[in-house]
Amino acid sequence: MRGLLDFGRWEEANMFFSEANMVRGNHYHRATTEAFIMLEGRVEITLQRVEESEPVGEIRKVTAQAGDVFLIEPGTCHRFEILEPTKWINLLDRKLDPDAPDIAQPSTPMAE
C-alpha cells in the first residue's frame, strides 16, 4: 500500500468546506509549498507563476475532484473556483505565522 503523500515534511494541516460558486485563494506564497487532498466535490484551479510580484507566463486551468492530490509550489498564484460543494485537506510545509503570513497578492490579478 502506498500513502497519498509519502514525501515532504508538513507542519500544518487544515480542513476546508466550500459551497458551490465560491472563489478561494487568489494569492501566492513566497516560500510555502501546499498540498491538497480532495475528499469531495470539484474545483477549477487557475494557476500562474509570479516573479517579483508580477504574474508571468501562461495561465493554466485544471479541474480537481474527489480523490485527487496535488501540490502548489511557492511563487504560483492560485485561485479555486468551487464547482460543487467541496471538502478538502490542505497541508503546508511551514506553519502559517499569523503575525507574518506567507500570503501575497500579485501586483496585477490573473486574467480570467
N, C-alpha and C. Protein backbone atom coordinates (compact mmCIF):
# COMPACT_ATOMS: atom_id res chain seq x y z
N MET A 1 0.84 -1.18 0.00
CA MET A 1 0.00 0.00 0.00
C MET A 1 0.88 1.24 0.00
N ARG A 2 0.52 2.22 -0.78
CA ARG A 2 1.27 3.48 -0.86
C ARG A 2 0.39 4.61 -0.33
N GLY A 3 0.96 5.48 0.47
CA GLY A 3 0.21 6.59 1.05
C GLY A 3 -0.09 7.67 0.02
N LEU A 4 -1.06 8.51 0.33
CA LEU A 4 -1.39 9.63 -0.54
C LEU A 4 -0.23 10.60 -0.67
N LEU A 5 0.44 10.88 0.45
CA LEU A 5 1.61 11.75 0.46
C LEU A 5 2.70 11.03 1.23
N ASP A 6 3.64 10.47 0.50
CA ASP A 6 4.73 9.75 1.15
C ASP A 6 6.06 10.47 0.96
N PHE A 7 5.98 11.81 0.91
CA PHE A 7 7.18 12.63 0.76
C PHE A 7 6.92 13.95 1.47
N GLY A 8 7.97 14.71 1.70
CA GLY A 8 7.85 16.04 2.27
C GLY A 8 7.67 16.03 3.77
N ARG A 9 7.72 17.22 4.32
CA ARG A 9 7.53 17.42 5.76
C ARG A 9 6.45 18.49 5.90
N TRP A 10 5.33 18.12 6.46
CA TRP A 10 4.18 19.00 6.56
C TRP A 10 4.02 19.47 8.00
N GLU A 11 3.93 20.78 8.21
CA GLU A 11 3.88 21.35 9.55
C GLU A 11 2.48 21.82 9.96
N GLU A 12 1.58 21.96 9.00
CA GLU A 12 0.22 22.40 9.33
C GLU A 12 -0.77 21.72 8.41
N ALA A 13 -1.91 21.33 8.96
CA ALA A 13 -2.99 20.71 8.20
C ALA A 13 -4.28 21.46 8.48
N ASN A 14 -5.07 21.70 7.44
CA ASN A 14 -6.34 22.41 7.57
C ASN A 14 -7.41 21.65 6.78
N MET A 15 -8.64 21.69 7.26
CA MET A 15 -9.78 21.11 6.55
C MET A 15 -10.65 22.27 6.08
N PHE A 16 -11.00 22.24 4.79
CA PHE A 16 -11.85 23.28 4.22
C PHE A 16 -13.15 22.67 3.71
N PHE A 17 -14.24 23.40 3.92
CA PHE A 17 -15.55 23.08 3.37
C PHE A 17 -15.96 24.30 2.56
N SER A 18 -16.30 24.11 1.30
CA SER A 18 -16.64 25.24 0.43
C SER A 18 -17.91 24.93 -0.33
N GLU A 19 -18.76 25.93 -0.48
CA GLU A 19 -20.00 25.78 -1.23
C GLU A 19 -19.76 26.11 -2.70
N ALA A 20 -20.61 25.57 -3.56
CA ALA A 20 -20.53 25.83 -5.00
C ALA A 20 -20.61 27.34 -5.25
N ASN A 21 -19.89 27.79 -6.27
CA ASN A 21 -19.84 29.17 -6.74
C ASN A 21 -19.00 30.09 -5.87
N MET A 22 -18.33 29.56 -4.86
CA MET A 22 -17.38 30.36 -4.09
C MET A 22 -16.06 30.45 -4.85
N VAL A 23 -15.28 31.47 -4.53
CA VAL A 23 -13.91 31.60 -5.03
C VAL A 23 -13.01 31.70 -3.82
N ARG A 24 -11.95 30.88 -3.80
CA ARG A 24 -10.99 30.87 -2.69
C ARG A 24 -9.60 31.12 -3.26
N GLY A 25 -8.70 31.52 -2.37
CA GLY A 25 -7.30 31.69 -2.76
C GLY A 25 -7.08 33.02 -3.44
N ASN A 26 -6.64 32.96 -4.69
CA ASN A 26 -6.27 34.13 -5.49
C ASN A 26 -5.09 34.86 -4.85
N HIS A 27 -4.09 34.08 -4.47
CA HIS A 27 -2.88 34.58 -3.86
C HIS A 27 -1.73 33.63 -4.19
N TYR A 28 -0.55 33.96 -3.70
CA TYR A 28 0.59 33.06 -3.84
C TYR A 28 1.40 33.10 -2.55
N HIS A 29 2.32 32.17 -2.42
CA HIS A 29 3.20 32.09 -1.26
C HIS A 29 4.63 32.23 -1.75
N ARG A 30 5.41 33.00 -1.06
CA ARG A 30 6.81 33.20 -1.45
C ARG A 30 7.68 31.98 -1.11
N ALA A 31 7.36 31.31 0.01
CA ALA A 31 8.24 30.23 0.48
C ALA A 31 7.50 28.93 0.82
N THR A 32 6.19 28.94 0.86
CA THR A 32 5.43 27.79 1.34
C THR A 32 4.94 26.91 0.18
N THR A 33 5.15 25.61 0.32
CA THR A 33 4.55 24.63 -0.60
C THR A 33 3.28 24.13 0.05
N GLU A 34 2.23 24.00 -0.76
CA GLU A 34 0.95 23.49 -0.27
C GLU A 34 0.61 22.19 -0.98
N ALA A 35 0.03 21.26 -0.23
CA ALA A 35 -0.53 20.04 -0.81
C ALA A 35 -2.02 20.05 -0.53
N PHE A 36 -2.79 19.54 -1.46
CA PHE A 36 -4.24 19.47 -1.32
C PHE A 36 -4.69 18.03 -1.56
N ILE A 37 -5.58 17.58 -0.71
CA ILE A 37 -6.19 16.26 -0.86
C ILE A 37 -7.69 16.50 -1.00
N MET A 38 -8.23 16.22 -2.17
CA MET A 38 -9.65 16.45 -2.43
C MET A 38 -10.45 15.26 -1.90
N LEU A 39 -11.37 15.53 -0.98
CA LEU A 39 -12.19 14.48 -0.39
C LEU A 39 -13.57 14.38 -1.04
N GLU A 40 -14.15 15.53 -1.38
CA GLU A 40 -15.47 15.58 -2.01
C GLU A 40 -15.51 16.77 -2.95
N GLY A 41 -16.31 16.69 -4.00
CA GLY A 41 -16.59 17.82 -4.88
C GLY A 41 -15.59 18.01 -6.00
N ARG A 42 -15.73 19.17 -6.67
CA ARG A 42 -14.87 19.54 -7.80
C ARG A 42 -14.56 21.02 -7.74
N VAL A 43 -13.33 21.38 -8.13
CA VAL A 43 -12.91 22.77 -8.21
C VAL A 43 -12.14 22.99 -9.51
N GLU A 44 -12.27 24.19 -10.07
CA GLU A 44 -11.43 24.59 -11.19
C GLU A 44 -10.33 25.46 -10.59
N ILE A 45 -9.08 25.10 -10.89
CA ILE A 45 -7.93 25.80 -10.34
C ILE A 45 -7.26 26.59 -11.45
N THR A 46 -7.06 27.88 -11.21
CA THR A 46 -6.34 28.74 -12.15
C THR A 46 -4.97 29.00 -11.53
N LEU A 47 -3.92 28.79 -12.33
CA LEU A 47 -2.53 28.87 -11.85
C LEU A 47 -1.71 29.77 -12.76
N GLN A 48 -0.82 30.56 -12.16
CA GLN A 48 0.13 31.35 -12.94
C GLN A 48 1.35 31.65 -12.07
N ARG A 49 2.53 31.54 -12.65
CA ARG A 49 3.77 31.86 -11.93
C ARG A 49 3.82 33.34 -11.61
N VAL A 50 4.48 33.67 -10.50
CA VAL A 50 4.68 35.06 -10.08
C VAL A 50 6.17 35.25 -9.82
N GLU A 51 6.73 36.32 -10.38
CA GLU A 51 8.13 36.68 -10.13
C GLU A 51 8.16 38.15 -9.74
N GLU A 52 8.73 38.45 -8.57
CA GLU A 52 8.82 39.82 -8.07
C GLU A 52 7.45 40.49 -8.10
N SER A 53 6.44 39.78 -7.63
CA SER A 53 5.05 40.24 -7.51
C SER A 53 4.31 40.38 -8.83
N GLU A 54 4.96 40.05 -9.94
CA GLU A 54 4.33 40.18 -11.26
C GLU A 54 3.94 38.81 -11.81
N PRO A 55 2.69 38.64 -12.27
CA PRO A 55 2.32 37.40 -12.94
C PRO A 55 3.11 37.27 -14.24
N VAL A 56 3.65 36.08 -14.49
CA VAL A 56 4.42 35.83 -15.71
C VAL A 56 3.99 34.50 -16.31
N GLY A 57 4.19 34.37 -17.60
CA GLY A 57 3.91 33.10 -18.25
C GLY A 57 2.43 32.85 -18.46
N GLU A 58 2.16 31.66 -18.96
CA GLU A 58 0.79 31.33 -19.32
C GLU A 58 -0.06 31.02 -18.08
N ILE A 59 -1.34 31.26 -18.24
CA ILE A 59 -2.32 30.89 -17.22
C ILE A 59 -2.79 29.49 -17.54
N ARG A 60 -2.76 28.62 -16.53
CA ARG A 60 -3.23 27.24 -16.70
C ARG A 60 -4.48 27.03 -15.87
N LYS A 61 -5.41 26.26 -16.40
CA LYS A 61 -6.62 25.88 -15.67
C LYS A 61 -6.70 24.37 -15.64
N VAL A 62 -6.95 23.84 -14.45
CA VAL A 62 -7.13 22.40 -14.29
C VAL A 62 -8.32 22.18 -13.36
N THR A 63 -8.94 21.04 -13.50
CA THR A 63 -10.05 20.68 -12.62
C THR A 63 -9.60 19.56 -11.70
N ALA A 64 -9.87 19.72 -10.42
CA ALA A 64 -9.56 18.68 -9.43
C ALA A 64 -10.87 18.19 -8.85
N GLN A 65 -10.91 16.90 -8.51
CA GLN A 65 -12.13 16.30 -7.96
C GLN A 65 -11.76 15.32 -6.85
N ALA A 66 -12.79 14.80 -6.20
CA ALA A 66 -12.59 13.87 -5.10
C ALA A 66 -11.60 12.79 -5.50
N GLY A 67 -10.62 12.54 -4.64
CA GLY A 67 -9.59 11.54 -4.89
C GLY A 67 -8.29 12.11 -5.43
N ASP A 68 -8.32 13.34 -5.93
CA ASP A 68 -7.11 13.96 -6.47
C ASP A 68 -6.24 14.51 -5.34
N VAL A 69 -4.93 14.45 -5.56
CA VAL A 69 -3.94 15.04 -4.67
C VAL A 69 -3.02 15.88 -5.54
N PHE A 70 -2.76 17.14 -5.13
CA PHE A 70 -1.91 17.98 -5.96
C PHE A 70 -1.11 18.95 -5.08
N LEU A 71 -0.01 19.44 -5.66
CA LEU A 71 0.89 20.39 -4.99
C LEU A 71 0.82 21.74 -5.67
N ILE A 72 0.99 22.79 -4.88
CA ILE A 72 1.19 24.13 -5.42
C ILE A 72 2.50 24.65 -4.83
N GLU A 73 3.45 24.91 -5.72
CA GLU A 73 4.79 25.32 -5.32
C GLU A 73 4.83 26.82 -5.01
N PRO A 74 5.81 27.26 -4.21
CA PRO A 74 5.98 28.69 -3.96
C PRO A 74 6.08 29.46 -5.28
N GLY A 75 5.56 30.69 -5.27
CA GLY A 75 5.63 31.52 -6.47
C GLY A 75 4.58 31.19 -7.51
N THR A 76 3.55 30.45 -7.13
CA THR A 76 2.47 30.12 -8.06
C THR A 76 1.17 30.72 -7.53
N CYS A 77 0.64 31.70 -8.25
CA CYS A 77 -0.64 32.28 -7.87
C CYS A 77 -1.70 31.22 -8.15
N HIS A 78 -2.64 31.06 -7.22
CA HIS A 78 -3.67 30.04 -7.37
C HIS A 78 -5.02 30.56 -6.91
N ARG A 79 -6.03 30.26 -7.73
CA ARG A 79 -7.41 30.64 -7.44
C ARG A 79 -8.27 29.40 -7.64
N PHE A 80 -9.15 29.14 -6.68
CA PHE A 80 -10.04 27.98 -6.74
C PHE A 80 -11.47 28.46 -6.95
N GLU A 81 -12.08 28.01 -8.03
CA GLU A 81 -13.50 28.27 -8.27
C GLU A 81 -14.23 26.98 -7.94
N ILE A 82 -15.09 27.04 -6.94
CA ILE A 82 -15.75 25.85 -6.43
C ILE A 82 -16.92 25.51 -7.35
N LEU A 83 -16.86 24.33 -7.96
CA LEU A 83 -17.89 23.90 -8.91
C LEU A 83 -19.01 23.12 -8.23
N GLU A 84 -18.68 22.43 -7.15
CA GLU A 84 -19.63 21.63 -6.38
C GLU A 84 -19.27 21.79 -4.90
N PRO A 85 -20.22 21.55 -3.99
CA PRO A 85 -19.83 21.56 -2.58
C PRO A 85 -18.59 20.67 -2.39
N THR A 86 -17.59 21.21 -1.72
CA THR A 86 -16.28 20.58 -1.69
C THR A 86 -15.74 20.47 -0.26
N LYS A 87 -15.06 19.35 0.00
CA LYS A 87 -14.34 19.15 1.25
C LYS A 87 -12.93 18.73 0.87
N TRP A 88 -11.92 19.40 1.46
CA TRP A 88 -10.53 19.10 1.13
C TRP A 88 -9.64 19.32 2.33
N ILE A 89 -8.50 18.67 2.30
CA ILE A 89 -7.45 18.86 3.30
C ILE A 89 -6.33 19.64 2.64
N ASN A 90 -5.84 20.66 3.35
CA ASN A 90 -4.74 21.50 2.87
C ASN A 90 -3.57 21.31 3.83
N LEU A 91 -2.40 20.97 3.29
CA LEU A 91 -1.18 20.79 4.08
C LEU A 91 -0.18 21.87 3.69
N LEU A 92 0.52 22.40 4.69
CA LEU A 92 1.56 23.41 4.46
C LEU A 92 2.89 22.88 4.95
N ASP A 93 3.95 23.15 4.19
CA ASP A 93 5.27 22.66 4.61
C ASP A 93 5.92 23.57 5.64
N ARG A 94 5.25 24.66 6.00
CA ARG A 94 5.68 25.51 7.10
C ARG A 94 4.43 26.08 7.75
N LYS A 95 4.47 26.17 9.06
CA LYS A 95 3.31 26.65 9.81
C LYS A 95 3.04 28.11 9.46
N LEU A 96 1.78 28.43 9.24
CA LEU A 96 1.40 29.81 8.94
C LEU A 96 1.59 30.67 10.18
N ASP A 97 2.37 31.72 10.06
CA ASP A 97 2.63 32.65 11.15
C ASP A 97 1.57 33.75 11.09
N PRO A 98 0.65 33.83 12.07
CA PRO A 98 -0.41 34.83 12.00
C PRO A 98 0.11 36.27 12.01
N ASP A 99 1.31 36.49 12.54
CA ASP A 99 1.88 37.84 12.58
C ASP A 99 2.60 38.21 11.29
N ALA A 100 2.99 37.21 10.50
CA ALA A 100 3.68 37.47 9.23
C ALA A 100 3.36 36.33 8.26
N PRO A 101 2.09 36.23 7.85
CA PRO A 101 1.71 35.10 6.98
C PRO A 101 2.40 35.18 5.62
N ASP A 102 2.77 34.03 5.10
CA ASP A 102 3.38 33.93 3.77
C ASP A 102 2.27 33.86 2.72
N ILE A 103 1.50 34.94 2.64
CA ILE A 103 0.40 35.05 1.67
C ILE A 103 0.56 36.40 0.99
N ALA A 104 0.68 36.40 -0.33
CA ALA A 104 0.89 37.64 -1.06
C ALA A 104 -0.06 37.72 -2.24
N GLN A 105 -0.35 38.93 -2.64
CA GLN A 105 -1.17 39.20 -3.82
C GLN A 105 -0.26 39.64 -4.96
N PRO A 106 -0.50 39.14 -6.17
CA PRO A 106 0.27 39.66 -7.30
C PRO A 106 -0.07 41.13 -7.53
N SER A 107 0.84 41.86 -8.15
CA SER A 107 0.62 43.29 -8.38
C SER A 107 -0.56 43.54 -9.32
N THR A 108 -0.80 42.61 -10.24
CA THR A 108 -1.99 42.67 -11.09
C THR A 108 -2.66 41.30 -11.03
N PRO A 109 -3.98 41.26 -11.01
CA PRO A 109 -4.67 39.97 -10.90
C PRO A 109 -4.50 39.12 -12.15
N MET A 110 -4.64 37.82 -11.95
CA MET A 110 -4.63 36.90 -13.09
C MET A 110 -5.82 37.22 -13.98
N ALA A 111 -5.64 37.11 -15.27
CA ALA A 111 -6.75 37.31 -16.20
C ALA A 111 -7.74 36.16 -16.05
N GLU A 112 -8.97 36.41 -16.36
CA GLU A 112 -10.00 35.37 -16.28
C GLU A 112 -9.82 34.36 -17.39
